[in-house]
C-alpha atoms as a PDB file:
ATOM      1  CA  MET A   1      52.156   7.148  26.759  1.00  0.00           C
ATOM      2  CA  SER A   2      50.029   6.770  29.882  1.00  0.00           C
ATOM      3  CA  GLU A   3      46.844   8.719  30.580  1.00  0.00           C
ATOM      4  CA  SER A   4      48.622  10.718  33.294  1.00  0.00           C
ATOM      5  CA  ASP A   5      51.214  11.876  30.752  1.00  0.00           C
ATOM      6  CA  THR A   6      48.529  13.531  28.602  1.00  0.00           C
ATOM      7  CA  LYS A   7      46.687  15.335  31.383  1.00  0.00           C
ATOM      8  CA  LYS A   8      46.665  19.116  31.432  1.00  0.00           C
ATOM      9  CA  PRO A   9      49.031  20.547  34.088  1.00  0.00           C
ATOM     10  CA  LYS A  10      47.255  21.488  37.288  1.00  0.00           C
ATOM     11  CA  SER A  11      46.356  25.172  37.466  1.00  0.00           C
ATOM     12  CA  LYS A  12      47.858  27.336  40.179  1.00  0.00           C
ATOM     13  CA  PHE A  13      44.413  28.978  40.453  1.00  0.00           C
ATOM     14  CA  ALA A  14      41.727  27.039  42.312  1.00  0.00           C
ATOM     15  CA  PRO A  15      38.232  27.114  40.697  1.00  0.00           C
ATOM     16  CA  ASN A  16      36.953  29.350  43.492  1.00  0.00           C
ATOM     17  CA  ALA A  17      40.181  31.248  44.096  1.00  0.00           C
ATOM     18  CA  ASP A  18      38.398  34.620  44.126  1.00  0.00           C
ATOM     19  CA  GLN A  19      35.407  33.607  46.255  1.00  0.00           C
ATOM     20  CA  ALA A  20      36.175  35.959  49.146  1.00  0.00           C
ATOM     21  CA  ARG A  21      36.743  38.900  46.792  1.00  0.00           C
ATOM     22  CA  LEU A  22      33.538  38.174  44.838  1.00  0.00           C
ATOM     23  CA  ARG A  23      31.553  37.929  48.061  1.00  0.00           C
ATOM     24  CA  SER A  24      32.936  41.235  49.355  1.00  0.00           C
ATOM     25  CA  LEU A  25      32.479  43.101  46.072  1.00  0.00           C
ATOM     26  CA  GLY A  26      28.967  41.718  45.678  1.00  0.00           C
ATOM     27  CA  ALA A  27      27.969  43.016  49.105  1.00  0.00           C
ATOM     28  CA  LYS A  28      29.422  46.440  48.334  1.00  0.00           C
ATOM     29  CA  VAL A  29      27.663  46.847  44.985  1.00  0.00           C
ATOM     30  CA  ARG A  30      24.398  45.391  46.317  1.00  0.00           C
ATOM     31  CA  LYS A  31      24.303  48.008  49.063  1.00  0.00           C
ATOM     32  CA  ARG A  32      25.202  50.828  46.688  1.00  0.00           C
ATOM     33  CA  LEU A  33      22.493  49.960  44.157  1.00  0.00           C
ATOM     34  CA  ALA A  34      19.887  49.476  46.881  1.00  0.00           C
ATOM     35  CA  GLY A  35      20.434  53.102  47.878  1.00  0.00           C
ATOM     36  CA  ASN A  36      19.820  54.431  44.361  1.00  0.00           C
ATOM     37  CA  SER A  37      16.136  55.128  43.664  1.00  0.00           C
ATOM     38  CA  ALA A  38      16.787  55.196  39.905  1.00  0.00           C
ATOM     39  CA  VAL A  39      17.887  51.545  39.907  1.00  0.00           C
ATOM     40  CA  TYR A  40      15.281  48.777  39.628  1.00  0.00           C
ATOM     41  CA  LYS A  41      15.939  45.303  41.067  1.00  0.00           C
ATOM     42  CA  VAL A  42      14.599  42.649  38.705  1.00  0.00           C
ATOM     43  CA  PRO A  43      12.671  40.094  40.790  1.00  0.00           C
ATOM     44  CA  SER A  44      14.629  36.830  40.866  1.00  0.00           C
ATOM     45  CA  ASP A  45      15.735  34.431  43.582  1.00  0.00           C
ATOM     46  CA  GLU A  46      18.441  32.985  41.343  1.00  0.00           C
ATOM     47  CA  VAL A  47      20.290  35.907  39.739  1.00  0.00           C
ATOM     48  CA  GLU A  48      21.093  39.367  41.095  1.00  0.00           C
ATOM     49  CA  LEU A  49      20.003  41.601  38.224  1.00  0.00           C
ATOM     50  CA  TRP A  50      19.264  45.326  38.119  1.00  0.00           C
ATOM     51  CA  ALA A  51      18.180  47.826  35.466  1.00  0.00           C
ATOM     52  CA  MET A  52      18.451  51.604  35.204  1.00  0.00           C
ATOM     53  CA  GLY A  53      16.553  53.648  32.640  1.00  0.00           C
ATOM     54  CA  ASP A  54      17.909  56.821  31.038  1.00  0.00           C
ATOM     55  CA  PHE A  55      21.473  55.910  31.905  1.00  0.00           C
ATOM     56  CA  MET A  56      22.495  57.556  28.622  1.00  0.00           C
ATOM     57  CA  THR A  57      20.834  60.294  26.596  1.00  0.00           C
ATOM     58  CA  ALA A  58      19.771  59.782  22.977  1.00  0.00           C
ATOM     59  CA  ALA A  59      22.741  61.882  21.831  1.00  0.00           C
ATOM     60  CA  GLU A  60      25.168  59.819  23.910  1.00  0.00           C
ATOM     61  CA  CYS A  61      23.723  56.585  22.529  1.00  0.00           C
ATOM     62  CA  GLN A  62      24.182  57.870  18.979  1.00  0.00           C
ATOM     63  CA  LYS A  63      27.778  58.910  19.640  1.00  0.00           C
ATOM     64  CA  MET A  64      28.585  55.486  21.078  1.00  0.00           C
ATOM     65  CA  ILE A  65      26.987  53.810  18.039  1.00  0.00           C
ATOM     66  CA  GLU A  66      29.262  55.843  15.765  1.00  0.00           C
ATOM     67  CA  LEU A  67      32.313  54.768  17.764  1.00  0.00           C
ATOM     68  CA  ILE A  68      31.211  51.132  17.567  1.00  0.00           C
ATOM     69  CA  ASP A  69      30.771  51.357  13.794  1.00  0.00           C
ATOM     70  CA  ALA A  70      34.312  52.706  13.533  1.00  0.00           C
ATOM     71  CA  THR A  71      35.889  49.840  15.508  1.00  0.00           C
ATOM     72  CA  ALA A  72      33.660  46.764  15.153  1.00  0.00           C
ATOM     73  CA  LYS A  73      35.131  43.604  13.650  1.00  0.00           C
ATOM     74  CA  PRO A  74      33.854  39.995  13.566  1.00  0.00           C
ATOM     75  CA  SER A  75      33.555  38.828  17.172  1.00  0.00           C
ATOM     76  CA  ARG A  76      35.685  36.148  18.780  1.00  0.00           C
ATOM     77  CA  VAL A  77      35.073  34.093  21.907  1.00  0.00           C
ATOM     78  CA  SER A  78      37.933  32.262  23.620  1.00  0.00           C
ATOM     79  CA  GLY A  79      39.627  31.132  20.433  1.00  0.00           C
ATOM     80  CA  LEU A  80      36.450  30.765  18.390  1.00  0.00           C
ATOM     81  CA  ASP A  81      35.888  33.074  15.465  1.00  0.00           C
ATOM     82  CA  TYR A  82      32.920  34.367  13.493  1.00  0.00           C
ATOM     83  CA  SER A  83      32.725  31.274  11.294  1.00  0.00           C
ATOM     84  CA  ASP A  84      31.936  29.013  14.260  1.00  0.00           C
ATOM     85  CA  GLY A  85      28.453  30.550  14.474  1.00  0.00           C
ATOM     86  CA  TYR A  86      28.540  30.817  18.283  1.00  0.00           C
ATOM     87  CA  ARG A  87      28.893  34.584  18.292  1.00  0.00           C
ATOM     88  CA  THR A  88      28.146  36.197  14.944  1.00  0.00           C
ATOM     89  CA  SER A  89      27.999  39.833  15.962  1.00  0.00           C
ATOM     90  CA  TYR A  90      30.642  42.466  15.287  1.00  0.00           C
ATOM     91  CA  SER A  91      32.457  43.913  18.283  1.00  0.00           C
ATOM     92  CA  GLY A  92      35.470  45.896  19.404  1.00  0.00           C
ATOM     93  CA  ASP A  93      36.867  47.889  22.306  1.00  0.00           C
ATOM     94  CA  VAL A  94      36.106  51.565  21.790  1.00  0.00           C
ATOM     95  CA  ASP A  95      39.082  53.875  22.379  1.00  0.00           C
ATOM     96  CA  PRO A  96      39.582  53.989  26.182  1.00  0.00           C
ATOM     97  CA  THR A  97      41.454  57.306  25.876  1.00  0.00           C
ATOM     98  CA  ASP A  98      38.559  59.059  24.135  1.00  0.00           C
ATOM     99  CA  PRO A  99      37.125  61.684  26.548  1.00  0.00           C
ATOM    100  CA  PHE A 100      33.549  60.601  25.800  1.00  0.00           C
ATOM    101  CA  VAL A 101      34.334  56.930  26.417  1.00  0.00           C
ATOM    102  CA  LYS A 102      36.142  57.825  29.641  1.00  0.00           C
ATOM    103  CA  LYS A 103      33.109  59.822  30.784  1.00  0.00           C
ATOM    104  CA  ILE A 104      30.704  56.947  30.180  1.00  0.00           C
ATOM    105  CA  GLY A 105      33.064  54.440  31.770  1.00  0.00           C
ATOM    106  CA  ARG A 106      33.441  56.568  34.881  1.00  0.00           C
ATOM    107  CA  ARG A 107      29.660  56.929  35.075  1.00  0.00           C
ATOM    108  CA  VAL A 108      29.360  53.147  35.251  1.00  0.00           C
ATOM    109  CA  ASP A 109      32.149  52.962  37.847  1.00  0.00           C
ATOM    110  CA  ASP A 110      30.425  55.561  40.008  1.00  0.00           C
ATOM    111  CA  LEU A 111      27.043  53.859  39.738  1.00  0.00           C
ATOM    112  CA  LEU A 112      28.450  50.589  41.071  1.00  0.00           C
ATOM    113  CA  GLY A 113      30.912  52.239  43.431  1.00  0.00           C
ATOM    114  CA  VAL A 114      33.767  50.100  42.074  1.00  0.00           C
ATOM    115  CA  ASP A 115      37.375  51.242  41.663  1.00  0.00           C
ATOM    116  CA  PRO A 116      37.997  51.931  37.937  1.00  0.00           C
ATOM    117  CA  LYS A 117      41.099  49.719  38.136  1.00  0.00           C
ATOM    118  CA  PHE A 118      38.797  46.696  38.408  1.00  0.00           C
ATOM    119  CA  GLY A 119      36.949  47.521  35.180  1.00  0.00           C
ATOM    120  CA  GLU A 120      37.763  46.207  31.715  1.00  0.00           C
ATOM    121  CA  SER A 121      37.662  48.435  28.652  1.00  0.00           C
ATOM    122  CA  ILE A 122      34.216  49.181  27.212  1.00  0.00           C
ATOM    123  CA  GLN A 123      33.390  46.794  24.377  1.00  0.00           C
ATOM    124  CA  GLY A 124      30.897  47.855  21.715  1.00  0.00           C
ATOM    125  CA  GLN A 125      28.779  45.269  19.900  1.00  0.00           C
ATOM    126  CA  ARG A 126      26.681  45.417  16.741  1.00  0.00           C
ATOM    127  CA  TYR A 127      24.159  42.801  15.629  1.00  0.00           C
ATOM    128  CA  MET A 128      22.642  42.811  12.138  1.00  0.00           C
ATOM    129  CA  PRO A 129      19.764  40.587  10.933  1.00  0.00           C
ATOM    130  CA  GLY A 130      20.459  36.943  11.703  1.00  0.00           C
ATOM    131  CA  GLN A 131      23.374  37.677  14.032  1.00  0.00           C
ATOM    132  CA  GLU A 132      23.378  36.398  17.608  1.00  0.00           C
ATOM    133  CA  PHE A 133      25.416  35.391  20.644  1.00  0.00           C
ATOM    134  CA  GLN A 134      24.389  31.932  21.792  1.00  0.00           C
ATOM    135  CA  PRO A 135      23.876  31.092  25.517  1.00  0.00           C
ATOM    136  CA  HIS A 136      27.012  31.700  27.550  1.00  0.00           C
ATOM    137  CA  HIS A 137      28.386  32.850  30.891  1.00  0.00           C
ATOM    138  CA  ASP A 138      30.494  35.985  31.283  1.00  0.00           C
ATOM    139  CA  TRP A 139      32.524  34.444  34.100  1.00  0.00           C
ATOM    140  CA  PHE A 140      35.577  32.320  33.355  1.00  0.00           C
ATOM    141  CA  HIS A 141      35.415  28.543  33.452  1.00  0.00           C
ATOM    142  CA  PRO A 142      38.281  26.424  34.829  1.00  0.00           C
ATOM    143  CA  ASP A 143      39.857  23.833  32.507  1.00  0.00           C
ATOM    144  CA  THR A 144      39.705  26.163  29.509  1.00  0.00           C
ATOM    145  CA  SER A 145      42.489  27.536  27.349  1.00  0.00           C
ATOM    146  CA  TYR A 146      42.025  31.060  28.700  1.00  0.00           C
ATOM    147  CA  TRP A 147      41.740  30.238  32.437  1.00  0.00           C
ATOM    148  CA  GLU A 148      45.381  30.795  33.424  1.00  0.00           C
ATOM    149  CA  THR A 149      45.697  33.994  31.394  1.00  0.00           C
ATOM    150  CA  GLU A 150      42.522  35.652  32.642  1.00  0.00           C
ATOM    151  CA  MET A 151      42.955  34.630  36.264  1.00  0.00           C
ATOM    152  CA  GLY A 152      46.457  36.052  36.108  1.00  0.00           C
ATOM    153  CA  ARG A 153      45.402  39.469  34.810  1.00  0.00           C
ATOM    154  CA  GLY A 154      42.528  40.459  37.055  1.00  0.00           C
ATOM    155  CA  GLY A 155      40.952  37.243  38.202  1.00  0.00           C
ATOM    156  CA  GLN A 156      37.349  36.172  37.911  1.00  0.00           C
ATOM    157  CA  ARG A 157      34.698  38.453  36.428  1.00  0.00           C
ATOM    158  CA  SER A 158      32.441  39.902  39.086  1.00  0.00           C
ATOM    159  CA  PHE A 159      29.834  42.220  37.555  1.00  0.00           C
ATOM    160  CA  THR A 160      28.585  42.733  34.012  1.00  0.00           C
ATOM    161  CA  THR A 161      27.065  46.021  32.855  1.00  0.00           C
ATOM    162  CA  MET A 162      25.347  46.231  29.472  1.00  0.00           C
ATOM    163  CA  ALA A 163      23.774  49.315  27.871  1.00  0.00           C
ATOM    164  CA  PHE A 164      21.203  49.194  25.063  1.00  0.00           C
ATOM    165  CA  LEU A 165      21.815  51.959  22.546  1.00  0.00           C
ATOM    166  CA  ASN A 166      18.976  51.804  20.002  1.00  0.00           C
ATOM    167  CA  GLU A 167      15.519  50.531  19.170  1.00  0.00           C
ATOM    168  CA  VAL A 168      15.566  47.203  17.323  1.00  0.00           C
ATOM    169  CA  GLU A 169      12.875  46.672  14.699  1.00  0.00           C
ATOM    170  CA  ALA A 170      12.421  42.981  15.544  1.00  0.00           C
ATOM    171  CA  GLY A 171      14.253  40.361  17.612  1.00  0.00           C
ATOM    172  CA  GLY A 172      17.517  40.978  19.415  1.00  0.00           C
ATOM    173  CA  THR A 173      16.303  40.319  22.949  1.00  0.00           C
ATOM    174  CA  THR A 174      18.732  39.553  25.757  1.00  0.00           C
ATOM    175  CA  ASP A 175      17.536  36.328  27.349  1.00  0.00           C
ATOM    176  CA  PHE A 176      18.571  34.827  30.676  1.00  0.00           C
ATOM    177  CA  THR A 177      17.893  31.324  29.518  1.00  0.00           C
ATOM    178  CA  ASP A 178      18.027  29.455  32.823  1.00  0.00           C
ATOM    179  CA  ILE A 179      15.508  31.686  34.580  1.00  0.00           C
ATOM    180  CA  GLY A 180      13.132  32.311  31.668  1.00  0.00           C
ATOM    181  CA  LEU A 181      13.700  36.069  31.447  1.00  0.00           C
ATOM    182  CA  SER A 182      13.649  37.931  28.112  1.00  0.00           C
ATOM    183  CA  LEU A 183      14.507  41.640  27.894  1.00  0.00           C
ATOM    184  CA  GLU A 184      13.772  43.850  24.893  1.00  0.00           C
ATOM    185  CA  PRO A 185      16.385  46.459  23.961  1.00  0.00           C
ATOM    186  CA  LYS A 186      15.412  49.943  25.125  1.00  0.00           C
ATOM    187  CA  PRO A 187      17.752  52.841  24.281  1.00  0.00           C
ATOM    188  CA  GLY A 188      19.632  54.244  27.261  1.00  0.00           C
ATOM    189  CA  VAL A 189      18.806  51.360  29.613  1.00  0.00           C
ATOM    190  CA  LEU A 190      21.693  49.843  31.559  1.00  0.00           C
ATOM    191  CA  LEU A 191      21.557  46.252  32.833  1.00  0.00           C
ATOM    192  CA  ILE A 192      23.737  45.182  35.739  1.00  0.00           C
ATOM    193  CA  TRP A 193      24.188  41.656  37.022  1.00  0.00           C
ATOM    194  CA  ASN A 194      26.335  39.826  39.501  1.00  0.00           C
ATOM    195  CA  ASN A 195      28.139  36.883  37.905  1.00  0.00           C
ATOM    196  CA  ALA A 196      28.490  35.330  41.358  1.00  0.00           C
ATOM    197  CA  THR A 197      26.143  34.287  44.130  1.00  0.00           C
ATOM    198  CA  PRO A 198      26.005  36.300  47.369  1.00  0.00           C
ATOM    199  CA  GLU A 199      28.392  33.681  48.763  1.00  0.00           C
ATOM    200  CA  GLY A 200      30.957  34.538  46.096  1.00  0.00           C
ATOM    201  CA  LEU A 201      30.626  31.400  43.963  1.00  0.00           C
ATOM    202  CA  THR A 202      30.243  31.709  40.195  1.00  0.00           C
ATOM    203  CA  ASN A 203      26.533  31.569  39.359  1.00  0.00           C
ATOM    204  CA  SER A 204      25.599  29.087  36.628  1.00  0.00           C
ATOM    205  CA  ARG A 205      22.119  30.648  36.456  1.00  0.00           C
ATOM    206  CA  THR A 206      23.561  33.773  34.799  1.00  0.00           C
ATOM    207  CA  MET A 207      23.549  31.933  31.461  1.00  0.00           C
ATOM    208  CA  HIS A 208      22.348  34.460  28.868  1.00  0.00           C
ATOM    209  CA  ALA A 209      22.101  34.955  25.121  1.00  0.00           C
ATOM    210  CA  GLY A 210      21.818  37.716  22.556  1.00  0.00           C
ATOM    211  CA  ARG A 211      18.990  36.407  20.401  1.00  0.00           C
ATOM    212  CA  PRO A 212      19.099  36.845  16.612  1.00  0.00           C
ATOM    213  CA  VAL A 213      18.095  40.229  15.250  1.00  0.00           C
ATOM    214  CA  GLN A 214      15.196  39.727  12.848  1.00  0.00           C
ATOM    215  CA  ALA A 215      15.040  43.238  11.384  1.00  0.00           C
ATOM    216  CA  GLY A 216      17.113  46.385  11.769  1.00  0.00           C
ATOM    217  CA  ALA A 217      20.234  46.454  13.915  1.00  0.00           C
ATOM    218  CA  LYS A 218      21.082  46.161  17.598  1.00  0.00           C
ATOM    219  CA  TYR A 219      23.832  48.156  19.301  1.00  0.00           C
ATOM    220  CA  ILE A 220      24.999  47.649  22.865  1.00  0.00           C
ATOM    221  CA  PHE A 221      28.100  48.182  24.924  1.00  0.00           C
ATOM    222  CA  THR A 222      29.396  45.962  27.688  1.00  0.00           C
ATOM    223  CA  LYS A 223      31.734  46.750  30.558  1.00  0.00           C
ATOM    224  CA  TRP A 224      32.907  43.901  32.774  1.00  0.00           C
ATOM    225  CA  TYR A 225      34.494  44.079  36.206  1.00  0.00           C
ATOM    226  CA  ARG A 226      37.024  41.741  37.779  1.00  0.00           C
ATOM    227  CA  ALA A 227      37.653  40.497  41.309  1.00  0.00           C
ATOM    228  CA  LYS A 228      41.066  42.199  41.274  1.00  0.00           C
ATOM    229  CA  GLU A 229      42.813  44.977  39.372  1.00  0.00           C
ATOM    230  CA  TRP A 230      42.565  44.310  35.623  1.00  0.00           C
ATOM    231  CA  PHE A 231      45.426  44.933  33.211  1.00  0.00           C
END
């Protein structure tokens, strides 16, 4: 068998197939957040990253934690499971039909000014002592097993939103490893970042990690957005 016979079939999706959409959506969200005095732009020339305090009340954080506890299972990442050690948290999509979940999801949609159809379901995550999520990108890489599937059901990921839900006794920072930024979990704070550059190209500098919890527990939820309608 020749080398050409063993090559993976060429994808119908170019690596930068969604560049124009990512560029347009980035400009829209950038303008929207700039007009919100409650949103803080984290200084960086390499990653577009924002933070908003008091996005959720203490009671809302507690309710979301309870929903996460009811649904969380060992996390998986693109075919890897808990035993691989790459992502050792517990996670799960909270019920998207729950009125409380719908309220929080719509609040995120409204903050960014993005059509809800572009948003994935809210995923809750729980980290116990020693658990972590090693450095990774949220955007989809070409030449992977999931590329065709994900590009065909919403396209590239555009924005990530992540809410911290509780105080962590020790550890559990969210680190943007390529730009040397480490963020401590603060209940009710929402992080927002653009997975693309202003030109609409996927941004390799958005590499980030959930560092190991050293004591206590860490609860967050994540809501991702796509370049097109997600289903």
